[in-house]
Amino acid sequence: MEARMKNPAVVLPEAMQPILTLNKVIQKSSVDPLTLELVHLRASQINSCSSCVDAGARSAKKAGETDERLRAVAAWRESPYFTDAERAALALAESATRLSDRSDPVPDEVWDEAARHFTEEQLAAIVLMIAVTNLFNRLNATTRQIAGAWG
């Protein structure tokens, strides 16, 4: 397997810095870093971005995530390993990633459950994490970036 080209944000280096800055802002929020890692991993799984799934699993592991939970992210609904807050964040990540799957992409019940567990500032960070993840997924999947090639 070979990438079609370098990641577009590397080809246009002025594009990478604002993305990395946004990611730093998200990481500074009061959302549990492991929750953000899970959100990133689940959105990347949905988008079949092998590069982001690989990087996300490595990053989550480095942040202290367990192998047991990492293996269960794709089946989080049927798994006993996640808190109610993590489940709400994962449901939000799925809805916001699968926008075209239904006429109401993020149903009130998904949003309301997330809002029950997270403050407005935390919701902002989670929504931004979902958006940044989807951006990277689209860059990497379109150009067929190779899992593990970034480090």
C-alpha atoms as a PDB file:
ATOM      1  CA  MET A   1       0.000   0.000   0.000  1.00  0.00           C
ATOM      2  CA  GLU A   2       1.215   3.459  -0.855  1.00  0.00           C
ATOM      3  CA  ALA A   3      -0.116   6.920  -0.055  1.00  0.00           C
ATOM      4  CA  ARG A   4      -1.408   8.917  -3.016  1.00  0.00           C
ATOM      5  CA  MET A   5       0.425  11.978  -1.770  1.00  0.00           C
ATOM      6  CA  LYS A   6       1.627  13.526   1.478  1.00  0.00           C
ATOM      7  CA  ASN A   7      -1.067  14.658   3.862  1.00  0.00           C
ATOM      8  CA  PRO A   8      -2.492  17.884   2.375  1.00  0.00           C
ATOM      9  CA  ALA A   9      -1.911  19.730   5.662  1.00  0.00           C
ATOM     10  CA  VAL A  10       1.779  18.885   5.294  1.00  0.00           C
ATOM     11  CA  VAL A  11       1.888  19.874   1.630  1.00  0.00           C
ATOM     12  CA  LEU A  12       0.423  23.260   2.634  1.00  0.00           C
ATOM     13  CA  PRO A  13       2.255  23.719   5.949  1.00  0.00           C
ATOM     14  CA  GLU A  14       0.361  26.923   6.760  1.00  0.00           C
ATOM     15  CA  ALA A  15      -2.723  24.700   7.109  1.00  0.00           C
ATOM     16  CA  MET A  16      -1.268  22.383   9.752  1.00  0.00           C
ATOM     17  CA  GLN A  17      -0.496  24.969  12.436  1.00  0.00           C
ATOM     18  CA  PRO A  18      -4.069  26.248  12.877  1.00  0.00           C
ATOM     19  CA  ILE A  19      -5.325  22.655  13.099  1.00  0.00           C
ATOM     20  CA  LEU A  20      -2.707  21.807  15.733  1.00  0.00           C
ATOM     21  CA  THR A  21      -3.527  25.012  17.625  1.00  0.00           C
ATOM     22  CA  LEU A  22      -7.215  24.103  17.672  1.00  0.00           C
ATOM     23  CA  ASN A  23      -6.326  20.628  18.924  1.00  0.00           C
ATOM     24  CA  LYS A  24      -4.264  22.164  21.760  1.00  0.00           C
ATOM     25  CA  VAL A  25      -7.235  24.315  22.774  1.00  0.00           C
ATOM     26  CA  ILE A  26      -9.439  21.216  22.866  1.00  0.00           C
ATOM     27  CA  GLN A  27      -6.888  19.331  24.970  1.00  0.00           C
ATOM     28  CA  LYS A  28      -6.758  22.207  27.489  1.00  0.00           C
ATOM     29  CA  SER A  29     -10.489  21.865  28.167  1.00  0.00           C
ATOM     30  CA  SER A  30     -11.806  20.202  31.298  1.00  0.00           C
ATOM     31  CA  VAL A  31     -12.988  17.121  29.378  1.00  0.00           C
ATOM     32  CA  ASP A  32     -11.259  13.967  30.572  1.00  0.00           C
ATOM     33  CA  PRO A  33      -8.457  13.375  28.044  1.00  0.00           C
ATOM     34  CA  LEU A  34      -9.441   9.699  27.778  1.00  0.00           C
ATOM     35  CA  THR A  35     -12.957  10.708  26.747  1.00  0.00           C
ATOM     36  CA  LEU A  36     -11.491  12.852  23.974  1.00  0.00           C
ATOM     37  CA  GLU A  37      -9.319   9.918  22.908  1.00  0.00           C
ATOM     38  CA  LEU A  38     -12.356   7.631  22.762  1.00  0.00           C
ATOM     39  CA  VAL A  39     -14.296  10.188  20.702  1.00  0.00           C
ATOM     40  CA  HIS A  40     -11.385  10.485  18.269  1.00  0.00           C
ATOM     41  CA  LEU A  41     -11.020   6.734  17.962  1.00  0.00           C
ATOM     42  CA  ARG A  42     -14.734   6.082  17.403  1.00  0.00           C
ATOM     43  CA  ALA A  43     -15.107   8.756  14.713  1.00  0.00           C
ATOM     44  CA  SER A  44     -11.990   7.425  12.995  1.00  0.00           C
ATOM     45  CA  GLN A  45     -13.372   3.877  13.075  1.00  0.00           C
ATOM     46  CA  ILE A  46     -16.637   5.036  11.495  1.00  0.00           C
ATOM     47  CA  ASN A  47     -14.729   6.839   8.741  1.00  0.00           C
ATOM     48  CA  SER A  48     -12.429   3.844   8.147  1.00  0.00           C
ATOM     49  CA  CYS A  49      -9.356   6.016   8.537  1.00  0.00           C
ATOM     50  CA  SER A  50      -6.691   3.439   9.285  1.00  0.00           C
ATOM     51  CA  SER A  51      -4.050   6.070   9.929  1.00  0.00           C
ATOM     52  CA  CYS A  52      -6.217   7.841  12.536  1.00  0.00           C
ATOM     53  CA  VAL A  53      -7.425   4.594  14.110  1.00  0.00           C
ATOM     54  CA  ASP A  54      -3.816   3.503  14.523  1.00  0.00           C
ATOM     55  CA  ALA A  55      -2.641   6.891  15.812  1.00  0.00           C
ATOM     56  CA  GLY A  56      -5.723   7.231  18.022  1.00  0.00           C
ATOM     57  CA  ALA A  57      -5.273   3.838  19.645  1.00  0.00           C
ATOM     58  CA  ARG A  58      -1.584   4.556  20.259  1.00  0.00           C
ATOM     59  CA  SER A  59      -2.346   7.989  21.693  1.00  0.00           C
ATOM     60  CA  ALA A  60      -5.094   6.617  23.940  1.00  0.00           C
ATOM     61  CA  LYS A  61      -2.805   3.866  25.191  1.00  0.00           C
ATOM     62  CA  LYS A  62      -0.077   6.420  25.926  1.00  0.00           C
ATOM     63  CA  ALA A  63      -2.655   8.513  27.832  1.00  0.00           C
ATOM     64  CA  GLY A  64      -3.439   5.499  30.031  1.00  0.00           C
ATOM     65  CA  GLU A  65      -6.305   3.802  28.211  1.00  0.00           C
ATOM     66  CA  THR A  66      -6.573   0.039  28.713  1.00  0.00           C
ATOM     67  CA  ASP A  67      -6.386  -2.553  25.957  1.00  0.00           C
ATOM     68  CA  GLU A  68      -9.728  -3.918  27.130  1.00  0.00           C
ATOM     69  CA  ARG A  69     -11.513  -0.620  26.529  1.00  0.00           C
ATOM     70  CA  LEU A  70      -9.672   0.093  23.278  1.00  0.00           C
ATOM     71  CA  ARG A  71     -10.817  -3.235  21.871  1.00  0.00           C
ATOM     72  CA  ALA A  72     -14.396  -2.458  22.899  1.00  0.00           C
ATOM     73  CA  VAL A  73     -14.789   1.048  21.441  1.00  0.00           C
ATOM     74  CA  ALA A  74     -16.419  -0.182  18.221  1.00  0.00           C
ATOM     75  CA  ALA A  75     -18.998  -2.068  20.308  1.00  0.00           C
ATOM     76  CA  TRP A  76     -19.342   0.456  23.140  1.00  0.00           C
ATOM     77  CA  ARG A  77     -23.126   0.057  23.400  1.00  0.00           C
ATOM     78  CA  GLU A  78     -22.804  -3.640  24.220  1.00  0.00           C
ATOM     79  CA  SER A  79     -19.733  -3.241  26.397  1.00  0.00           C
ATOM     80  CA  PRO A  80     -19.708  -2.784  30.194  1.00  0.00           C
ATOM     81  CA  TYR A  81     -16.437  -0.815  30.208  1.00  0.00           C
ATOM     82  CA  PHE A  82     -17.651   2.742  29.664  1.00  0.00           C
ATOM     83  CA  THR A  83     -19.206   5.319  31.982  1.00  0.00           C
ATOM     84  CA  ASP A  84     -22.514   6.985  31.183  1.00  0.00           C
ATOM     85  CA  ALA A  85     -20.638  10.193  30.321  1.00  0.00           C
ATOM     86  CA  GLU A  86     -18.315   8.342  27.940  1.00  0.00           C
ATOM     87  CA  ARG A  87     -21.315   6.651  26.333  1.00  0.00           C
ATOM     88  CA  ALA A  88     -22.954  10.036  25.818  1.00  0.00           C
ATOM     89  CA  ALA A  89     -19.769  11.399  24.208  1.00  0.00           C
ATOM     90  CA  LEU A  90     -19.461   8.318  21.977  1.00  0.00           C
ATOM     91  CA  ALA A  91     -23.106   8.609  20.888  1.00  0.00           C
ATOM     92  CA  LEU A  92     -22.543  12.268  20.055  1.00  0.00           C
ATOM     93  CA  ALA A  93     -19.398  11.376  18.101  1.00  0.00           C
ATOM     94  CA  GLU A  94     -21.296   8.780  16.094  1.00  0.00           C
ATOM     95  CA  SER A  95     -24.194  11.103  15.294  1.00  0.00           C
ATOM     96  CA  ALA A  96     -22.002  14.065  14.387  1.00  0.00           C
ATOM     97  CA  THR A  97     -19.813  11.856  12.192  1.00  0.00           C
ATOM     98  CA  ARG A  98     -22.697  10.118  10.391  1.00  0.00           C
ATOM     99  CA  LEU A  99     -24.508  13.305   9.390  1.00  0.00           C
ATOM    100  CA  SER A 100     -26.167  11.893   6.275  1.00  0.00           C
ATOM    101  CA  ASP A 101     -27.479   8.709   7.892  1.00  0.00           C
ATOM    102  CA  ARG A 102     -30.745  10.285   9.093  1.00  0.00           C
ATOM    103  CA  SER A 103     -32.883  13.370   8.571  1.00  0.00           C
ATOM    104  CA  ASP A 104     -32.085  14.577  12.103  1.00  0.00           C
ATOM    105  CA  PRO A 105     -28.330  13.894  12.272  1.00  0.00           C
ATOM    106  CA  VAL A 106     -27.931  14.640  15.979  1.00  0.00           C
ATOM    107  CA  PRO A 107     -31.272  13.821  17.623  1.00  0.00           C
ATOM    108  CA  ASP A 108     -32.325  15.744  20.723  1.00  0.00           C
ATOM    109  CA  GLU A 109     -32.024  12.615  22.865  1.00  0.00           C
ATOM    110  CA  VAL A 110     -28.338  12.239  21.889  1.00  0.00           C
ATOM    111  CA  TRP A 111     -27.623  15.920  22.510  1.00  0.00           C
ATOM    112  CA  ASP A 112     -29.630  16.051  25.736  1.00  0.00           C
ATOM    113  CA  GLU A 113     -27.841  13.015  27.149  1.00  0.00           C
ATOM    114  CA  ALA A 114     -24.465  14.569  26.377  1.00  0.00           C
ATOM    115  CA  ALA A 115     -25.612  17.882  27.910  1.00  0.00           C
ATOM    116  CA  ARG A 116     -26.629  15.982  31.048  1.00  0.00           C
ATOM    117  CA  HIS A 117     -22.996  14.904  31.560  1.00  0.00           C
ATOM    118  CA  PHE A 118     -20.987  17.812  30.181  1.00  0.00           C
ATOM    119  CA  THR A 119     -20.960  21.586  30.616  1.00  0.00           C
ATOM    120  CA  GLU A 120     -21.340  23.865  27.606  1.00  0.00           C
ATOM    121  CA  GLU A 121     -17.562  24.387  27.526  1.00  0.00           C
ATOM    122  CA  GLN A 122     -16.980  20.638  27.632  1.00  0.00           C
ATOM    123  CA  LEU A 123     -19.574  20.061  24.902  1.00  0.00           C
ATOM    124  CA  ALA A 124     -17.784  22.666  22.787  1.00  0.00           C
ATOM    125  CA  ALA A 125     -14.513  20.776  23.227  1.00  0.00           C
ATOM    126  CA  ILE A 126     -16.129  17.435  22.349  1.00  0.00           C
ATOM    127  CA  VAL A 127     -17.853  18.848  19.258  1.00  0.00           C
ATOM    128  CA  LEU A 128     -14.593  20.459  18.152  1.00  0.00           C
ATOM    129  CA  MET A 129     -12.744  17.163  18.736  1.00  0.00           C
ATOM    130  CA  ILE A 130     -15.292  15.393  16.539  1.00  0.00           C
ATOM    131  CA  ALA A 131     -14.867  18.057  13.835  1.00  0.00           C
ATOM    132  CA  VAL A 132     -11.049  17.977  13.911  1.00  0.00           C
ATOM    133  CA  THR A 133     -11.099  14.184  13.843  1.00  0.00           C
ATOM    134  CA  ASN A 134     -13.423  14.183  10.845  1.00  0.00           C
ATOM    135  CA  LEU A 135     -11.133  16.713   9.122  1.00  0.00           C
ATOM    136  CA  PHE A 136      -8.076  14.513   9.633  1.00  0.00           C
ATOM    137  CA  ASN A 137     -10.062  11.392   8.662  1.00  0.00           C
ATOM    138  CA  ARG A 138     -11.038  12.985   5.363  1.00  0.00           C
ATOM    139  CA  LEU A 139      -7.515  14.201   4.613  1.00  0.00           C
ATOM    140  CA  ASN A 140      -5.958  10.841   5.454  1.00  0.00           C
ATOM    141  CA  ALA A 141      -8.558   8.551   3.874  1.00  0.00           C
ATOM    142  CA  THR A 142      -8.726  10.553   0.641  1.00  0.00           C
ATOM    143  CA  THR A 143      -4.959  10.491   0.202  1.00  0.00           C
ATOM    144  CA  ARG A 144      -4.604   6.947   1.598  1.00  0.00           C
ATOM    145  CA  GLN A 145      -2.195   7.808   4.357  1.00  0.00           C
ATOM    146  CA  ILE A 146      -0.507   4.708   5.768  1.00  0.00           C
ATOM    147  CA  ALA A 147      -1.202   3.646   9.345  1.00  0.00           C
ATOM    148  CA  GLY A 148       1.916   4.022  11.472  1.00  0.00           C
ATOM    149  CA  ALA A 149       3.769   6.132   8.906  1.00  0.00           C
ATOM    150  CA  TRP A 150       3.671   9.283  11.088  1.00  0.00           C
ATOM    151  CA  GLY A 151       5.596   7.805  13.955  1.00  0.00           C
END
